[in-house]
Amino acid sequence: MAIDDIKSLPLERLQKVPNILVAFGNDKSADAAAQRVLELMPQSQIKKYNAHDWNQQLIDYGRQLRQQHQHQQRQQDDELSL
């Protein structure tokens, strides 16, 4: 979800979401906005980007989640085969 103002966040809907990644730019005003979102939604995490753009960052993050899931699945399979 992309927003241009914190006031436009659908807080009631988002408070039911267990994991929220908050991503802003790399300047002081963005840091302040990210902190405000964290105050409003404590289940959120602030994410600084490492990739050359946000699209690549999201692709990389999705890949990381899939790898973690595969690793967990292999561990469960190993435990069951014992």
PDB file of N, CA and C in Angstrom:
ATOM      1  N   MET A   1       0.854  -1.150   0.000  1.00  0.00           N
ATOM      2  CA  MET A   1       0.000   0.000   0.000  1.00  0.00           C
ATOM      3  C   MET A   1       0.907   1.222   0.000  1.00  0.00           C
ATOM      4  N   ALA A   2       0.612   2.162  -0.795  1.00  0.00           N
ATOM      5  CA  ALA A   2       1.357   3.415  -0.831  1.00  0.00           C
ATOM      6  C   ALA A   2       0.436   4.542  -0.380  1.00  0.00           C
ATOM      7  N   ILE A   3       0.969   5.394   0.463  1.00  0.00           N
ATOM      8  CA  ILE A   3       0.199   6.550   0.927  1.00  0.00           C
ATOM      9  C   ILE A   3       1.064   7.798   0.812  1.00  0.00           C
ATOM     10  N   ASP A   4       0.409   8.926   0.744  1.00  0.00           N
ATOM     11  CA  ASP A   4       1.168  10.177   0.701  1.00  0.00           C
ATOM     12  C   ASP A   4       1.027  10.973   1.997  1.00  0.00           C
ATOM     13  N   ASP A   5       0.193  10.481   2.917  1.00  0.00           N
ATOM     14  CA  ASP A   5      -0.015  11.158   4.188  1.00  0.00           C
ATOM     15  C   ASP A   5      -0.419  10.113   5.230  1.00  0.00           C
ATOM     16  N   ILE A   6       0.191  10.160   6.376  1.00  0.00           N
ATOM     17  CA  ILE A   6      -0.116   9.191   7.435  1.00  0.00           C
ATOM     18  C   ILE A   6      -1.586   9.238   7.820  1.00  0.00           C
ATOM     19  N   LYS A   7      -2.206  10.387   7.690  1.00  0.00           N
ATOM     20  CA  LYS A   7      -3.621  10.531   8.041  1.00  0.00           C
ATOM     21  C   LYS A   7      -4.520   9.678   7.153  1.00  0.00           C
ATOM     22  N   SER A   8      -4.023   9.253   6.005  1.00  0.00           N
ATOM     23  CA  SER A   8      -4.845   8.441   5.102  1.00  0.00           C
ATOM     24  C   SER A   8      -4.691   6.937   5.348  1.00  0.00           C
ATOM     25  N   LEU A   9      -3.939   6.556   6.370  1.00  0.00           N
ATOM     26  CA  LEU A   9      -3.804   5.138   6.699  1.00  0.00           C
ATOM     27  C   LEU A   9      -5.134   4.568   7.196  1.00  0.00           C
ATOM     28  N   PRO A  10      -5.555   3.441   6.686  1.00  0.00           N
ATOM     29  CA  PRO A  10      -6.771   2.790   7.200  1.00  0.00           C
ATOM     30  C   PRO A  10      -6.433   1.998   8.471  1.00  0.00           C
ATOM     31  N   LEU A  11      -6.270   2.712   9.572  1.00  0.00           N
ATOM     32  CA  LEU A  11      -5.771   2.110  10.813  1.00  0.00           C
ATOM     33  C   LEU A  11      -6.618   0.947  11.310  1.00  0.00           C
ATOM     34  N   GLU A  12      -7.937   1.073  11.254  1.00  0.00           N
ATOM     35  CA  GLU A  12      -8.792  -0.014  11.741  1.00  0.00           C
ATOM     36  C   GLU A  12      -8.512  -1.306  10.989  1.00  0.00           C
ATOM     37  N   ARG A  13      -8.365  -1.215   9.706  1.00  0.00           N
ATOM     38  CA  ARG A  13      -8.095  -2.398   8.880  1.00  0.00           C
ATOM     39  C   ARG A  13      -6.683  -2.926   9.129  1.00  0.00           C
ATOM     40  N   LEU A  14      -5.713  -2.029   9.212  1.00  0.00           N
ATOM     41  CA  LEU A  14      -4.319  -2.447   9.343  1.00  0.00           C
ATOM     42  C   LEU A  14      -3.988  -2.992  10.728  1.00  0.00           C
ATOM     43  N   GLN A  15      -4.733  -2.618  11.742  1.00  0.00           N
ATOM     44  CA  GLN A  15      -4.431  -3.122  13.076  1.00  0.00           C
ATOM     45  C   GLN A  15      -4.713  -4.613  13.196  1.00  0.00           C
ATOM     46  N   LYS A  16      -5.445  -5.168  12.258  1.00  0.00           N
ATOM     47  CA  LYS A  16      -5.715  -6.607  12.239  1.00  0.00           C
ATOM     48  C   LYS A  16      -4.630  -7.384  11.493  1.00  0.00           C
ATOM     49  N   VAL A  17      -3.730  -6.675  10.829  1.00  0.00           N
ATOM     50  CA  VAL A  17      -2.649  -7.310  10.072  1.00  0.00           C
ATOM     51  C   VAL A  17      -1.471  -7.538  11.025  1.00  0.00           C
ATOM     52  N   PRO A  18      -1.017  -8.802  11.173  1.00  0.00           N
ATOM     53  CA  PRO A  18       0.011  -9.083  12.180  1.00  0.00           C
ATOM     54  C   PRO A  18       1.407  -8.568  11.835  1.00  0.00           C
ATOM     55  N   ASN A  19       1.747  -8.492  10.560  1.00  0.00           N
ATOM     56  CA  ASN A  19       3.088  -8.071  10.150  1.00  0.00           C
ATOM     57  C   ASN A  19       2.984  -6.985   9.089  1.00  0.00           C
ATOM     58  N   ILE A  20       3.514  -5.834   9.407  1.00  0.00           N
ATOM     59  CA  ILE A  20       3.490  -4.723   8.463  1.00  0.00           C
ATOM     60  C   ILE A  20       4.900  -4.192   8.319  1.00  0.00           C
ATOM     61  N   LEU A  21       5.334  -4.045   7.105  1.00  0.00           N
ATOM     62  CA  LEU A  21       6.639  -3.487   6.804  1.00  0.00           C
ATOM     63  C   LEU A  21       6.444  -2.055   6.353  1.00  0.00           C
ATOM     64  N   VAL A  22       7.085  -1.122   7.043  1.00  0.00           N
ATOM     65  CA  VAL A  22       6.951   0.297   6.748  1.00  0.00           C
ATOM     66  C   VAL A  22       8.225   0.752   6.053  1.00  0.00           C
ATOM     67  N   ALA A  23       8.064   1.296   4.863  1.00  0.00           N
ATOM     68  CA  ALA A  23       9.233   1.698   4.083  1.00  0.00           C
ATOM     69  C   ALA A  23       9.088   3.144   3.633  1.00  0.00           C
ATOM     70  N   PHE A  24      10.085   3.919   3.961  1.00  0.00           N
ATOM     71  CA  PHE A  24      10.128   5.322   3.574  1.00  0.00           C
ATOM     72  C   PHE A  24      11.483   5.596   2.941  1.00  0.00           C
ATOM     73  N   GLY A  25      11.683   6.817   2.530  1.00  0.00           N
ATOM     74  CA  GLY A  25      12.972   7.224   1.980  1.00  0.00           C
ATOM     75  C   GLY A  25      14.038   7.307   3.058  1.00  0.00           C
ATOM     76  N   ASN A  26      15.181   7.820   2.682  1.00  0.00           N
ATOM     77  CA  ASN A  26      16.314   7.865   3.602  1.00  0.00           C
ATOM     78  C   ASN A  26      16.654   9.281   4.051  1.00  0.00           C
ATOM     79  N   ASP A  27      15.662  10.016   4.515  1.00  0.00           N
ATOM     80  CA  ASP A  27      15.955  11.348   5.043  1.00  0.00           C
ATOM     81  C   ASP A  27      15.268  11.521   6.399  1.00  0.00           C
ATOM     82  N   LYS A  28      15.540  12.608   7.072  1.00  0.00           N
ATOM     83  CA  LYS A  28      15.020  12.804   8.434  1.00  0.00           C
ATOM     84  C   LYS A  28      13.503  12.892   8.481  1.00  0.00           C
ATOM     85  N   SER A  29      12.884  13.526   7.494  1.00  0.00           N
ATOM     86  CA  SER A  29      11.415  13.618   7.513  1.00  0.00           C
ATOM     87  C   SER A  29      10.795  12.240   7.307  1.00  0.00           C
ATOM     88  N   ALA A  30      11.433  11.419   6.488  1.00  0.00           N
ATOM     89  CA  ALA A  30      10.944  10.053   6.287  1.00  0.00           C
ATOM     90  C   ALA A  30      11.112   9.244   7.566  1.00  0.00           C
ATOM     91  N   ASP A  31      12.220   9.431   8.261  1.00  0.00           N
ATOM     92  CA  ASP A  31      12.424   8.739   9.535  1.00  0.00           C
ATOM     93  C   ASP A  31      11.359   9.131  10.552  1.00  0.00           C
ATOM     94  N   ALA A  32      11.013  10.403  10.600  1.00  0.00           N
ATOM     95  CA  ALA A  32       9.986  10.873  11.529  1.00  0.00           C
ATOM     96  C   ALA A  32       8.622  10.266  11.180  1.00  0.00           C
ATOM     97  N   ALA A  33       8.307  10.210   9.900  1.00  0.00           N
ATOM     98  CA  ALA A  33       7.033   9.615   9.469  1.00  0.00           C
ATOM     99  C   ALA A  33       7.001   8.131   9.809  1.00  0.00           C
ATOM    100  N   ALA A  34       8.101   7.445   9.589  1.00  0.00           N
ATOM    101  CA  ALA A  34       8.167   6.012   9.907  1.00  0.00           C
ATOM    102  C   ALA A  34       7.971   5.793  11.405  1.00  0.00           C
ATOM    103  N   GLN A  35       8.570   6.619  12.221  1.00  0.00           N
ATOM    104  CA  GLN A  35       8.397   6.492  13.668  1.00  0.00           C
ATOM    105  C   GLN A  35       6.945   6.732  14.084  1.00  0.00           C
ATOM    106  N   ARG A  36       6.293   7.659  13.437  1.00  0.00           N
ATOM    107  CA  ARG A  36       4.879   7.943  13.731  1.00  0.00           C
ATOM    108  C   ARG A  36       4.005   6.734  13.381  1.00  0.00           C
ATOM    109  N   VAL A  37       4.283   6.117  12.244  1.00  0.00           N
ATOM    110  CA  VAL A  37       3.535   4.913  11.855  1.00  0.00           C
ATOM    111  C   VAL A  37       3.782   3.809  12.879  1.00  0.00           C
ATOM    112  N   LEU A  38       5.011   3.672  13.327  1.00  0.00           N
ATOM    113  CA  LEU A  38       5.341   2.658  14.326  1.00  0.00           C
ATOM    114  C   LEU A  38       4.566   2.894  15.624  1.00  0.00           C
ATOM    115  N   GLU A  39       4.382   4.142  15.990  1.00  0.00           N
ATOM    116  CA  GLU A  39       3.588   4.464  17.177  1.00  0.00           C
ATOM    117  C   GLU A  39       2.120   4.082  16.981  1.00  0.00           C
ATOM    118  N   LEU A  40       1.598   4.313  15.786  1.00  0.00           N
ATOM    119  CA  LEU A  40       0.192   4.016  15.500  1.00  0.00           C
ATOM    120  C   LEU A  40      -0.054   2.524  15.326  1.00  0.00           C
ATOM    121  N   MET A  41       0.945   1.822  14.803  1.00  0.00           N
ATOM    122  CA  MET A  41       0.818   0.382  14.538  1.00  0.00           C
ATOM    123  C   MET A  41       2.051  -0.330  15.079  1.00  0.00           C
ATOM    124  N   PRO A  42       2.037  -0.687  16.369  1.00  0.00           N
ATOM    125  CA  PRO A  42       3.219  -1.284  16.989  1.00  0.00           C
ATOM    126  C   PRO A  42       3.652  -2.608  16.367  1.00  0.00           C
ATOM    127  N   GLN A  43       2.778  -3.272  15.640  1.00  0.00           N
ATOM    128  CA  GLN A  43       3.139  -4.539  15.007  1.00  0.00           C
ATOM    129  C   GLN A  43       3.949  -4.319  13.730  1.00  0.00           C
ATOM    130  N   SER A  44       4.189  -3.079  13.371  1.00  0.00           N
ATOM    131  CA  SER A  44       4.926  -2.788  12.141  1.00  0.00           C
ATOM    132  C   SER A  44       6.424  -2.767  12.394  1.00  0.00           C
ATOM    133  N   GLN A  45       7.170  -2.898  11.321  1.00  0.00           N
ATOM    134  CA  GLN A  45       8.621  -2.823  11.359  1.00  0.00           C
ATOM    135  C   GLN A  45       9.064  -1.805  10.326  1.00  0.00           C
ATOM    136  N   ILE A  46      10.052  -1.011  10.684  1.00  0.00           N
ATOM    137  CA  ILE A  46      10.595  -0.038   9.736  1.00  0.00           C
ATOM    138  C   ILE A  46      11.659  -0.725   8.906  1.00  0.00           C
ATOM    139  N   LYS A  47      11.594  -0.521   7.617  1.00  0.00           N
ATOM    140  CA  LYS A  47      12.540  -1.151   6.692  1.00  0.00           C
ATOM    141  C   LYS A  47      13.273  -0.082   5.900  1.00  0.00           C
ATOM    142  N   LYS A  48      14.582  -0.109   5.973  1.00  0.00           N
ATOM    143  CA  LYS A  48      15.407   0.754   5.129  1.00  0.00           C
ATOM    144  C   LYS A  48      15.735  -0.051   3.870  1.00  0.00           C
ATOM    145  N   TYR A  49      15.747   0.605   2.750  1.00  0.00           N
ATOM    146  CA  TYR A  49      16.004  -0.151   1.539  1.00  0.00           C
ATOM    147  C   TYR A  49      17.491  -0.229   1.236  1.00  0.00           C
ATOM    148  N   ASN A  50      17.880  -1.352   0.635  1.00  0.00           N
ATOM    149  CA  ASN A  50      19.261  -1.594   0.239  1.00  0.00           C
ATOM    150  C   ASN A  50      19.411  -1.673  -1.270  1.00  0.00           C
ATOM    151  N   ALA A  51      18.347  -1.978  -1.945  1.00  0.00           N
ATOM    152  CA  ALA A  51      18.385  -2.144  -3.408  1.00  0.00           C
ATOM    153  C   ALA A  51      18.367  -0.777  -4.091  1.00  0.00           C
ATOM    154  N   HIS A  52      18.494  -0.802  -5.405  1.00  0.00           N
ATOM    155  CA  HIS A  52      18.529   0.456  -6.151  1.00  0.00           C
ATOM    156  C   HIS A  52      17.160   1.121  -6.258  1.00  0.00           C
ATOM    157  N   ASP A  53      16.078   0.374  -6.040  1.00  0.00           N
ATOM    158  CA  ASP A  53      14.738   0.970  -6.003  1.00  0.00           C
ATOM    159  C   ASP A  53      13.811   0.066  -5.193  1.00  0.00           C
ATOM    160  N   TRP A  54      12.636   0.592  -4.866  1.00  0.00           N
ATOM    161  CA  TRP A  54      11.704  -0.149  -4.007  1.00  0.00           C
ATOM    162  C   TRP A  54      11.181  -1.411  -4.657  1.00  0.00           C
ATOM    163  N   ASN A  55      10.995  -1.416  -5.944  1.00  0.00           N
ATOM    164  CA  ASN A  55      10.504  -2.617  -6.614  1.00  0.00           C
ATOM    165  C   ASN A  55      11.494  -3.769  -6.419  1.00  0.00           C
ATOM    166  N   GLN A  56      12.763  -3.500  -6.646  1.00  0.00           N
ATOM    167  CA  GLN A  56      13.779  -4.535  -6.450  1.00  0.00           C
ATOM    168  C   GLN A  56      13.850  -4.946  -4.994  1.00  0.00           C
ATOM    169  N   GLN A  57      13.692  -4.000  -4.098  1.00  0.00           N
ATOM    170  CA  GLN A  57      13.705  -4.312  -2.670  1.00  0.00           C
ATOM    171  C   GLN A  57      12.580  -5.294  -2.324  1.00  0.00           C
ATOM    172  N   LEU A  58      11.393  -5.058  -2.867  1.00  0.00           N
ATOM    173  CA  LEU A  58      10.265  -5.957  -2.603  1.00  0.00           C
ATOM    174  C   LEU A  58      10.491  -7.337  -3.204  1.00  0.00           C
ATOM    175  N   ILE A  59      11.064  -7.392  -4.380  1.00  0.00           N
ATOM    176  CA  ILE A  59      11.388  -8.682  -5.002  1.00  0.00           C
ATOM    177  C   ILE A  59      12.379  -9.442  -4.129  1.00  0.00           C
ATOM    178  N   ASP A  60      13.430  -8.748  -3.681  1.00  0.00           N
ATOM    179  CA  ASP A  60      14.439  -9.381  -2.830  1.00  0.00           C
ATOM    180  C   ASP A  60      13.835  -9.850  -1.510  1.00  0.00           C
ATOM    181  N   TYR A  61      12.959  -9.046  -0.940  1.00  0.00           N
ATOM    182  CA  TYR A  61      12.320  -9.407   0.324  1.00  0.00           C
ATOM    183  C   TYR A  61      11.427 -10.646   0.143  1.00  0.00           C
ATOM    184  N   GLY A  62      10.681 -10.689  -0.932  1.00  0.00           N
ATOM    185  CA  GLY A  62       9.856 -11.861  -1.216  1.00  0.00           C
ATOM    186  C   GLY A  62      10.695 -13.113  -1.373  1.00  0.00           C
ATOM    187  N   ARG A  63      11.822 -12.981  -2.039  1.00  0.00           N
ATOM    188  CA  ARG A  63      12.745 -14.111  -2.218  1.00  0.00           C
ATOM    189  C   ARG A  63      13.265 -14.578  -0.858  1.00  0.00           C
ATOM    190  N   GLN A  64      13.606 -13.632  -0.001  1.00  0.00           N
ATOM    191  CA  GLN A  64      14.092 -13.966   1.333  1.00  0.00           C
ATOM    192  C   GLN A  64      13.025 -14.713   2.138  1.00  0.00           C
ATOM    193  N   LEU A  65      11.793 -14.258   2.076  1.00  0.00           N
ATOM    194  CA  LEU A  65      10.705 -14.941   2.789  1.00  0.00           C
ATOM    195  C   LEU A  65      10.500 -16.361   2.278  1.00  0.00           C
ATOM    196  N   ARG A  66      10.557 -16.526   0.955  1.00  0.00           N
ATOM    197  CA  ARG A  66      10.402 -17.872   0.384  1.00  0.00           C
ATOM    198  C   ARG A  66      11.532 -18.794   0.845  1.00  0.00           C
ATOM    199  N   GLN A  67      12.749 -18.277   0.894  1.00  0.00           N
ATOM    200  CA  GLN A  67      13.883 -19.088   1.341  1.00  0.00           C
ATOM    201  C   GLN A  67      13.716 -19.485   2.802  1.00  0.00           C
ATOM    202  N   GLN A  68      13.264 -18.561   3.635  1.00  0.00           N
ATOM    203  CA  GLN A  68      13.028 -18.877   5.043  1.00  0.00           C
ATOM    204  C   GLN A  68      11.963 -19.949   5.175  1.00  0.00           C
ATOM    205  N   HIS A  69      10.903 -19.825   4.400  1.00  0.00           N
ATOM    206  CA  HIS A  69       9.820 -20.807   4.445  1.00  0.00           C
ATOM    207  C   HIS A  69      10.331 -22.180   4.002  1.00  0.00           C
ATOM    208  N   GLN A  70      11.114 -22.217   2.943  1.00  0.00           N
ATOM    209  CA  GLN A  70      11.662 -23.486   2.458  1.00  0.00           C
ATOM    210  C   GLN A  70      12.575 -24.109   3.506  1.00  0.00           C
ATOM    211  N   HIS A  71      13.373 -23.295   4.167  1.00  0.00           N
ATOM    212  CA  HIS A  71      14.264 -23.795   5.208  1.00  0.00           C
ATOM    213  C   HIS A  71      13.457 -24.390   6.363  1.00  0.00           C
ATOM    214  N   GLN A  72      12.408 -23.698   6.782  1.00  0.00           N
ATOM    215  CA  GLN A  72      11.551 -24.200   7.852  1.00  0.00           C
ATOM    216  C   GLN A  72      10.869 -25.496   7.438  1.00  0.00           C
ATOM    217  N   GLN A  73      10.438 -25.561   6.195  1.00  0.00           N
ATOM    218  CA  GLN A  73       9.772 -26.764   5.702  1.00  0.00           C
ATOM    219  C   GLN A  73      10.742 -27.948   5.705  1.00  0.00           C
ATOM    220  N   ARG A  74      11.983 -27.715   5.281  1.00  0.00           N
ATOM    221  CA  ARG A  74      12.992 -28.787   5.295  1.00  0.00           C
ATOM    222  C   ARG A  74      13.258 -29.263   6.712  1.00  0.00           C
ATOM    223  N   GLN A  75      13.312 -28.331   7.665  1.00  0.00           N
ATOM    224  CA  GLN A  75      13.524 -28.711   9.063  1.00  0.00           C
ATOM    225  C   GLN A  75      12.374 -29.578   9.562  1.00  0.00           C
ATOM    226  N   GLN A  76      11.149 -29.210   9.237  1.00  0.00           N
ATOM    227  CA  GLN A  76       9.985 -29.980   9.650  1.00  0.00           C
ATOM    228  C   GLN A  76      10.009 -31.359   9.000  1.00  0.00           C
ATOM    229  N   ASP A  77      10.351 -31.413   7.721  1.00  0.00           N
ATOM    230  CA  ASP A  77      10.434 -32.695   7.030  1.00  0.00           C
ATOM    231  C   ASP A  77      11.507 -33.586   7.639  1.00  0.00           C
ATOM    232  N   ASP A  78      12.657 -32.998   8.002  1.00  0.00           N
ATOM    233  CA  ASP A  78      13.731 -33.766   8.641  1.00  0.00           C
ATOM    234  C   ASP A  78      13.283 -34.312   9.987  1.00  0.00           C
ATOM    235  N   GLU A  79      12.559 -33.509  10.751  1.00  0.00           N
ATOM    236  CA  GLU A  79      12.088 -33.962  12.046  1.00  0.00           C
ATOM    237  C   GLU A  79      11.081 -35.098  11.901  1.00  0.00           C
ATOM    238  N   LEU A  80      10.246 -35.025  10.884  1.00  0.00           N
ATOM    239  CA  LEU A  80       9.259 -36.091  10.675  1.00  0.00           C
ATOM    240  C   LEU A  80       9.890 -37.388  10.178  1.00  0.00           C
ATOM    241  N   SER A  81      11.002 -37.290   9.484  1.00  0.00           N
ATOM    242  CA  SER A  81      11.612 -38.496   8.926  1.00  0.00           C
ATOM    243  C   SER A  81      12.457 -39.230   9.966  1.00  0.00           C
ATOM    244  N   LEU A  82      12.672 -38.613  11.116  1.00  0.00           N
ATOM    245  CA  LEU A  82      13.431 -39.293  12.168  1.00  0.00           C
ATOM    246  C   LEU A  82      12.582 -40.330  12.775  1.00  0.00           C
TER     247      LEU A  82
END
